[in-house]
Amino acid sequence: MASKITYTIIVCYDFSKEWLDKSRDQRKAFENEHIVPILTKYANTLKPRAYDAESFTTEFSDFMIIETKDLPSYYFMIEDLRQSALFTEGLANIKRIFMGIEDGYHTFENEMAKGEEHAAALV
């Protein structure tokens, strides 16, 4: 069940040496075969955006920002990714996950002003 609240999730990950050893064409073919179908499956409920970070931090090489009102869809997408060749073959590793609600305190205050029963219906 989708929430009325928009959640923002940041997934930080690294790619392995085996991934980096692949040519760019091999990576693109792999992505089209294994990753694009998973992201497409959740396109109606998740808005993912991918970023490179290796030039800016040593903690992880890449991160993805995902916006959703549907946390179960996010969870299911992560499970699908973990079961994909990207993770089962050790080509990537999730390092950290952060989640937040933009201006959540405003939503909280606004909904509390409407009454606690109404606020409980948001999640």
Protein backbone atom coordinates (compact mmCIF):
# COMPACT_ATOMS: atom_id res chain seq x y z
CA MET A 1 0.00 0.00 0.00
CA ALA A 2 1.41 3.36 -1.04
CA SER A 3 1.88 6.11 1.52
CA LYS A 4 1.01 9.76 1.02
CA ILE A 5 4.53 10.60 2.21
CA THR A 6 7.42 10.66 -0.28
CA TYR A 7 10.50 8.82 1.00
CA THR A 8 13.98 9.49 -0.33
CA ILE A 9 16.45 6.61 -0.14
CA ILE A 10 20.17 6.88 -0.90
CA VAL A 11 21.85 3.57 -1.73
CA CYS A 12 25.66 3.73 -1.76
CA TYR A 13 27.54 0.94 -3.53
CA ASP A 14 30.86 -0.15 -4.99
CA PHE A 15 31.62 -1.98 -8.20
CA SER A 16 34.19 -4.78 -8.10
CA LYS A 17 37.42 -5.11 -10.05
CA GLU A 18 35.68 -7.76 -12.19
CA TRP A 19 33.06 -5.19 -13.19
CA LEU A 20 35.68 -2.57 -13.96
CA ASP A 21 37.63 -5.12 -16.04
CA LYS A 22 34.65 -5.42 -18.41
CA SER A 23 34.65 -3.20 -21.47
CA ARG A 24 32.08 -0.40 -21.60
CA ASP A 25 30.14 -2.37 -24.23
CA GLN A 26 30.10 -5.44 -21.96
CA ARG A 27 28.88 -3.34 -19.04
CA LYS A 28 26.11 -1.80 -21.14
CA ALA A 29 25.01 -5.23 -22.40
CA PHE A 30 25.02 -6.59 -18.84
CA GLU A 31 23.03 -3.60 -17.59
CA ASN A 32 20.46 -4.00 -20.37
CA GLU A 33 20.08 -7.71 -19.66
CA HIS A 34 20.08 -7.75 -15.86
CA ILE A 35 19.43 -4.28 -14.40
CA VAL A 36 17.13 -2.42 -16.79
CA PRO A 37 14.36 -5.07 -16.52
CA ILE A 38 14.37 -4.72 -12.72
CA LEU A 39 14.24 -0.92 -12.80
CA THR A 40 11.50 -1.08 -15.45
CA LYS A 41 9.46 -3.45 -13.28
CA TYR A 42 9.25 -0.77 -10.57
CA ALA A 43 9.07 2.31 -12.83
CA ASN A 44 5.51 3.13 -11.74
CA THR A 45 6.39 3.31 -8.04
CA LEU A 46 10.08 4.24 -7.83
CA LYS A 47 12.07 7.13 -9.26
CA PRO A 48 15.76 6.11 -9.26
CA ARG A 49 18.65 8.36 -10.29
CA ALA A 50 22.25 7.08 -10.45
CA TYR A 51 25.37 9.09 -9.57
CA ASP A 52 29.13 8.54 -9.81
CA ALA A 53 31.06 9.38 -6.65
CA GLU A 54 34.52 7.79 -6.94
CA SER A 55 36.18 11.15 -7.60
CA PHE A 56 34.65 12.66 -4.47
CA THR A 57 34.81 9.98 -1.76
CA THR A 58 36.63 6.76 -0.92
CA GLU A 59 33.65 5.30 0.97
CA PHE A 60 31.80 4.10 -2.16
CA SER A 61 32.09 4.51 -5.92
CA ASP A 62 28.47 5.20 -6.83
CA PHE A 63 25.13 6.00 -5.29
CA MET A 64 21.50 5.99 -6.30
CA ILE A 65 18.79 8.33 -5.05
CA ILE A 66 15.36 6.73 -5.10
CA GLU A 67 12.10 8.56 -4.41
CA THR A 68 8.95 6.60 -3.59
CA LYS A 69 5.65 6.65 -1.76
CA ASP A 70 5.67 2.85 -1.76
CA LEU A 71 8.28 1.35 0.60
CA PRO A 72 7.34 -2.28 -0.21
CA SER A 73 8.18 -1.62 -3.88
CA TYR A 74 11.57 -0.26 -2.83
CA TYR A 75 12.19 -3.33 -0.67
CA PHE A 76 11.15 -5.69 -3.49
CA MET A 77 13.41 -3.90 -5.97
CA ILE A 78 16.39 -4.26 -3.63
CA GLU A 79 15.60 -7.98 -3.22
CA ASP A 80 15.38 -8.38 -7.02
CA LEU A 81 18.72 -6.59 -7.43
CA ARG A 82 20.37 -8.70 -4.73
CA GLN A 83 19.21 -11.84 -6.55
CA SER A 84 20.44 -10.55 -9.92
CA ALA A 85 23.81 -11.43 -11.45
CA LEU A 86 25.08 -7.99 -10.45
CA PHE A 87 25.22 -9.12 -6.82
CA THR A 88 25.26 -12.92 -7.05
CA GLU A 89 28.39 -12.75 -9.22
CA GLY A 90 30.00 -10.24 -6.85
CA LEU A 91 30.11 -7.38 -9.36
CA ALA A 92 28.66 -4.85 -6.91
CA ASN A 93 28.31 -4.47 -3.15
CA ILE A 94 25.92 -2.21 -1.23
CA LYS A 95 27.91 -0.15 1.30
CA ARG A 96 25.27 2.05 2.97
CA ILE A 97 21.61 2.95 2.78
CA PHE A 98 20.12 6.20 4.08
CA MET A 99 16.45 7.12 4.11
CA GLY A 100 14.62 10.30 4.95
CA ILE A 101 11.52 12.37 4.42
CA GLU A 102 11.99 15.84 2.95
CA ASP A 103 10.72 18.40 5.46
CA GLY A 104 9.16 15.57 7.46
CA TYR A 105 8.64 17.75 10.47
CA HIS A 106 6.36 20.05 8.43
CA THR A 107 4.26 17.08 7.37
CA PHE A 108 4.15 15.91 10.97
CA GLU A 109 3.06 19.30 12.28
CA ASN A 110 0.44 19.76 9.56
CA GLU A 111 -1.02 16.31 10.10
CA MET A 112 -1.02 16.61 13.89
CA ALA A 113 -3.02 19.81 13.51
CA LYS A 114 -5.64 17.76 11.60
CA GLY A 115 -5.78 15.12 14.32
CA GLU A 116 -3.92 11.94 15.19
CA GLU A 117 -6.35 9.64 13.36
CA HIS A 118 -5.71 11.52 10.14
CA ALA A 119 -1.92 11.35 10.65
CA ALA A 120 -2.05 7.59 11.18
CA ALA A 121 -3.73 7.22 7.77
CA LEU A 122 -0.64 8.66 6.05
CA VAL A 123 1.51 5.57 6.50
